[in-house]
Amino acid sequence: MWTRRALLLILPVFCAPVFSADDDVTVLQIEVKTPGGRPVERAAVIVNFSEGRSIKKLGKKIMTHWELRTNAVGTAKIPSIPQGKIQIQVIAKGYQTFGQMFEINEPEKTIEITLKLPQEQYSSHK
């Protein structure tokens, strides 16, 4: 029978490729613009990583969440995010809230988001 010590010595040899494998990551840049093409500064950008599993964590689900604001040129940068499905939500004063799912598989990705103006209120009493 195998003893505990022998298993502890052999286990790292078999698991080494799993722990040394790098998860694929993407450098993500989000550009927020008005319908006229001008940048929107100080817009709140919320990014949720929604689908994917980590090889380093033995298949455990990756839970990541970022909240940031756009700069003066309407850009928000996330240095490294795991590749897979993400949900992006953008909130800016004077514009409709934007929300959409994106699939990212490249090492670098720029996503351009054009916000819409708010709609008129609907009333059944007109």
C-alpha atoms as a PDB file:
ATOM      1  CA  MET A   1       0.000   0.000   0.000  1.00  0.00           C
ATOM      2  CA  TRP A   2       1.016   3.531  -0.630  1.00  0.00           C
ATOM      3  CA  THR A   3       1.879   5.541   2.379  1.00  0.00           C
ATOM      4  CA  ARG A   4       0.934   9.130   2.865  1.00  0.00           C
ATOM      5  CA  ARG A   5       4.513  10.265   2.419  1.00  0.00           C
ATOM      6  CA  ALA A   6       4.854   8.514  -0.919  1.00  0.00           C
ATOM      7  CA  LEU A   7       1.603  10.081  -2.157  1.00  0.00           C
ATOM      8  CA  LEU A   8       2.739  13.539  -1.084  1.00  0.00           C
ATOM      9  CA  LEU A   9       5.977  13.100  -3.011  1.00  0.00           C
ATOM     10  CA  ILE A  10       4.313  11.765  -6.185  1.00  0.00           C
ATOM     11  CA  LEU A  11       1.260  14.069  -6.287  1.00  0.00           C
ATOM     12  CA  PRO A  12       3.181  17.274  -7.221  1.00  0.00           C
ATOM     13  CA  VAL A  13       4.774  15.466 -10.187  1.00  0.00           C
ATOM     14  CA  PHE A  14       1.378  14.622 -11.701  1.00  0.00           C
ATOM     15  CA  CYS A  15      -0.197  17.983 -10.875  1.00  0.00           C
ATOM     16  CA  ALA A  16       2.737  20.144 -12.055  1.00  0.00           C
ATOM     17  CA  PRO A  17       1.306  20.765 -15.559  1.00  0.00           C
ATOM     18  CA  VAL A  18      -2.018  21.850 -14.051  1.00  0.00           C
ATOM     19  CA  PHE A  19      -0.452  24.353 -11.665  1.00  0.00           C
ATOM     20  CA  SER A  20       2.088  25.703 -14.149  1.00  0.00           C
ATOM     21  CA  ALA A  21      -0.459  26.351 -16.911  1.00  0.00           C
ATOM     22  CA  ASP A  22      -1.279  30.022 -17.313  1.00  0.00           C
ATOM     23  CA  ASP A  23      -4.918  31.013 -17.558  1.00  0.00           C
ATOM     24  CA  ASP A  24      -5.646  32.961 -20.720  1.00  0.00           C
ATOM     25  CA  VAL A  25      -6.121  36.643 -19.928  1.00  0.00           C
ATOM     26  CA  THR A  26      -7.155  39.682 -21.936  1.00  0.00           C
ATOM     27  CA  VAL A  27      -6.196  43.329 -21.503  1.00  0.00           C
ATOM     28  CA  LEU A  28      -9.572  45.031 -21.880  1.00  0.00           C
ATOM     29  CA  GLN A  29     -10.240  48.637 -22.884  1.00  0.00           C
ATOM     30  CA  ILE A  30     -13.787  50.047 -22.937  1.00  0.00           C
ATOM     31  CA  GLU A  31     -14.517  53.251 -24.888  1.00  0.00           C
ATOM     32  CA  VAL A  32     -17.797  55.021 -24.031  1.00  0.00           C
ATOM     33  CA  LYS A  33     -19.182  57.559 -26.533  1.00  0.00           C
ATOM     34  CA  THR A  34     -22.259  59.700 -27.103  1.00  0.00           C
ATOM     35  CA  PRO A  35     -24.540  59.154 -30.131  1.00  0.00           C
ATOM     36  CA  GLY A  36     -22.530  61.950 -31.838  1.00  0.00           C
ATOM     37  CA  GLY A  37     -19.217  60.142 -31.255  1.00  0.00           C
ATOM     38  CA  ARG A  38     -17.893  62.323 -28.414  1.00  0.00           C
ATOM     39  CA  PRO A  39     -16.324  60.636 -25.359  1.00  0.00           C
ATOM     40  CA  VAL A  40     -18.319  60.361 -22.123  1.00  0.00           C
ATOM     41  CA  GLU A  41     -16.159  61.084 -19.088  1.00  0.00           C
ATOM     42  CA  ARG A  42     -16.869  59.899 -15.531  1.00  0.00           C
ATOM     43  CA  ALA A  43     -19.285  57.181 -16.707  1.00  0.00           C
ATOM     44  CA  ALA A  44     -19.526  54.242 -14.290  1.00  0.00           C
ATOM     45  CA  VAL A  45     -18.377  50.988 -15.914  1.00  0.00           C
ATOM     46  CA  ILE A  46     -19.187  47.695 -14.185  1.00  0.00           C
ATOM     47  CA  VAL A  47     -17.625  44.492 -15.521  1.00  0.00           C
ATOM     48  CA  ASN A  48     -18.642  41.035 -14.263  1.00  0.00           C
ATOM     49  CA  PHE A  49     -16.874  37.919 -15.440  1.00  0.00           C
ATOM     50  CA  SER A  50     -19.714  35.430 -15.790  1.00  0.00           C
ATOM     51  CA  GLU A  51     -18.474  32.219 -17.402  1.00  0.00           C
ATOM     52  CA  GLY A  52     -15.251  30.264 -17.214  1.00  0.00           C
ATOM     53  CA  ARG A  53     -13.264  28.011 -14.937  1.00  0.00           C
ATOM     54  CA  SER A  54      -9.726  28.261 -13.623  1.00  0.00           C
ATOM     55  CA  ILE A  55      -7.246  25.478 -14.341  1.00  0.00           C
ATOM     56  CA  LYS A  56      -5.015  26.727 -11.520  1.00  0.00           C
ATOM     57  CA  LYS A  57      -7.872  26.406  -9.009  1.00  0.00           C
ATOM     58  CA  LEU A  58      -8.737  22.856 -10.167  1.00  0.00           C
ATOM     59  CA  GLY A  59     -11.838  23.835 -12.101  1.00  0.00           C
ATOM     60  CA  LYS A  60     -13.256  26.250  -9.530  1.00  0.00           C
ATOM     61  CA  LYS A  61     -15.508  28.937 -11.023  1.00  0.00           C
ATOM     62  CA  ILE A  62     -13.819  32.324 -11.483  1.00  0.00           C
ATOM     63  CA  MET A  63     -15.692  35.135  -9.723  1.00  0.00           C
ATOM     64  CA  THR A  64     -14.381  38.553 -10.670  1.00  0.00           C
ATOM     65  CA  HIS A  65     -15.971  41.978 -10.592  1.00  0.00           C
ATOM     66  CA  TRP A  66     -14.662  45.453 -11.450  1.00  0.00           C
ATOM     67  CA  GLU A  67     -16.186  48.889 -10.912  1.00  0.00           C
ATOM     68  CA  LEU A  68     -14.411  51.865 -12.462  1.00  0.00           C
ATOM     69  CA  ARG A  69     -15.023  55.188 -14.223  1.00  0.00           C
ATOM     70  CA  THR A  70     -14.044  56.448 -17.643  1.00  0.00           C
ATOM     71  CA  ASN A  71     -11.285  59.047 -17.950  1.00  0.00           C
ATOM     72  CA  ALA A  72     -11.439  62.403 -19.809  1.00  0.00           C
ATOM     73  CA  VAL A  73     -11.257  60.673 -23.206  1.00  0.00           C
ATOM     74  CA  GLY A  74     -14.058  58.219 -22.332  1.00  0.00           C
ATOM     75  CA  THR A  75     -11.847  55.170 -21.778  1.00  0.00           C
ATOM     76  CA  ALA A  76     -11.827  52.642 -18.934  1.00  0.00           C
ATOM     77  CA  LYS A  77      -8.938  50.140 -18.821  1.00  0.00           C
ATOM     78  CA  ILE A  78      -8.845  46.762 -17.081  1.00  0.00           C
ATOM     79  CA  PRO A  79      -5.275  45.407 -17.011  1.00  0.00           C
ATOM     80  CA  SER A  80      -6.027  41.660 -17.124  1.00  0.00           C
ATOM     81  CA  ILE A  81      -9.288  39.743 -17.174  1.00  0.00           C
ATOM     82  CA  PRO A  82      -9.783  36.008 -17.755  1.00  0.00           C
ATOM     83  CA  GLN A  83     -11.013  35.095 -21.216  1.00  0.00           C
ATOM     84  CA  GLY A  84     -14.630  33.999 -21.507  1.00  0.00           C
ATOM     85  CA  LYS A  85     -18.030  35.656 -21.203  1.00  0.00           C
ATOM     86  CA  ILE A  86     -18.291  39.000 -19.457  1.00  0.00           C
ATOM     87  CA  GLN A  87     -21.168  41.357 -18.747  1.00  0.00           C
ATOM     88  CA  ILE A  88     -20.533  45.093 -19.157  1.00  0.00           C
ATOM     89  CA  GLN A  89     -22.850  47.706 -17.684  1.00  0.00           C
ATOM     90  CA  VAL A  90     -22.357  51.451 -18.261  1.00  0.00           C
ATOM     91  CA  ILE A  91     -24.192  54.140 -16.284  1.00  0.00           C
ATOM     92  CA  ALA A  92     -23.839  57.826 -17.183  1.00  0.00           C
ATOM     93  CA  LYS A  93     -25.912  60.829 -16.174  1.00  0.00           C
ATOM     94  CA  GLY A  94     -28.200  61.975 -18.990  1.00  0.00           C
ATOM     95  CA  TYR A  95     -28.023  58.670 -20.935  1.00  0.00           C
ATOM     96  CA  GLN A  96     -29.775  55.302 -20.917  1.00  0.00           C
ATOM     97  CA  THR A  97     -28.070  52.561 -18.935  1.00  0.00           C
ATOM     98  CA  PHE A  98     -26.217  50.126 -21.195  1.00  0.00           C
ATOM     99  CA  GLY A  99     -25.830  46.424 -20.457  1.00  0.00           C
ATOM    100  CA  GLN A 100     -24.657  43.577 -22.675  1.00  0.00           C
ATOM    101  CA  MET A 101     -22.783  40.257 -22.619  1.00  0.00           C
ATOM    102  CA  PHE A 102     -19.519  39.952 -24.584  1.00  0.00           C
ATOM    103  CA  GLU A 103     -17.286  36.995 -25.453  1.00  0.00           C
ATOM    104  CA  ILE A 104     -13.567  37.795 -25.208  1.00  0.00           C
ATOM    105  CA  ASN A 105     -10.911  35.417 -26.588  1.00  0.00           C
ATOM    106  CA  GLU A 106      -8.097  37.733 -27.719  1.00  0.00           C
ATOM    107  CA  PRO A 107      -5.030  38.876 -25.714  1.00  0.00           C
ATOM    108  CA  GLU A 108      -6.096  42.535 -26.219  1.00  0.00           C
ATOM    109  CA  LYS A 109      -9.625  43.775 -26.840  1.00  0.00           C
ATOM    110  CA  THR A 110     -11.205  47.227 -27.254  1.00  0.00           C
ATOM    111  CA  ILE A 111     -14.978  47.446 -26.894  1.00  0.00           C
ATOM    112  CA  GLU A 112     -16.710  50.597 -28.154  1.00  0.00           C
ATOM    113  CA  ILE A 113     -20.025  51.427 -26.494  1.00  0.00           C
ATOM    114  CA  THR A 114     -22.346  54.142 -27.794  1.00  0.00           C
ATOM    115  CA  LEU A 115     -24.868  55.333 -25.231  1.00  0.00           C
ATOM    116  CA  LYS A 116     -28.398  56.366 -26.189  1.00  0.00           C
ATOM    117  CA  LEU A 117     -30.286  59.448 -25.078  1.00  0.00           C
ATOM    118  CA  PRO A 118     -33.163  58.848 -22.648  1.00  0.00           C
ATOM    119  CA  GLN A 119     -36.584  58.136 -24.136  1.00  0.00           C
ATOM    120  CA  GLU A 120     -39.685  60.199 -23.476  1.00  0.00           C
ATOM    121  CA  GLN A 121     -41.879  59.040 -20.643  1.00  0.00           C
ATOM    122  CA  TYR A 122     -44.864  57.035 -21.745  1.00  0.00           C
ATOM    123  CA  SER A 123     -48.313  57.910 -20.438  1.00  0.00           C
ATOM    124  CA  SER A 124     -51.632  56.260 -21.200  1.00  0.00           C
ATOM    125  CA  HIS A 125     -53.434  59.538 -20.319  1.00  0.00           C
ATOM    126  CA  LYS A 126     -52.425  61.455 -23.440  1.00  0.00           C
END
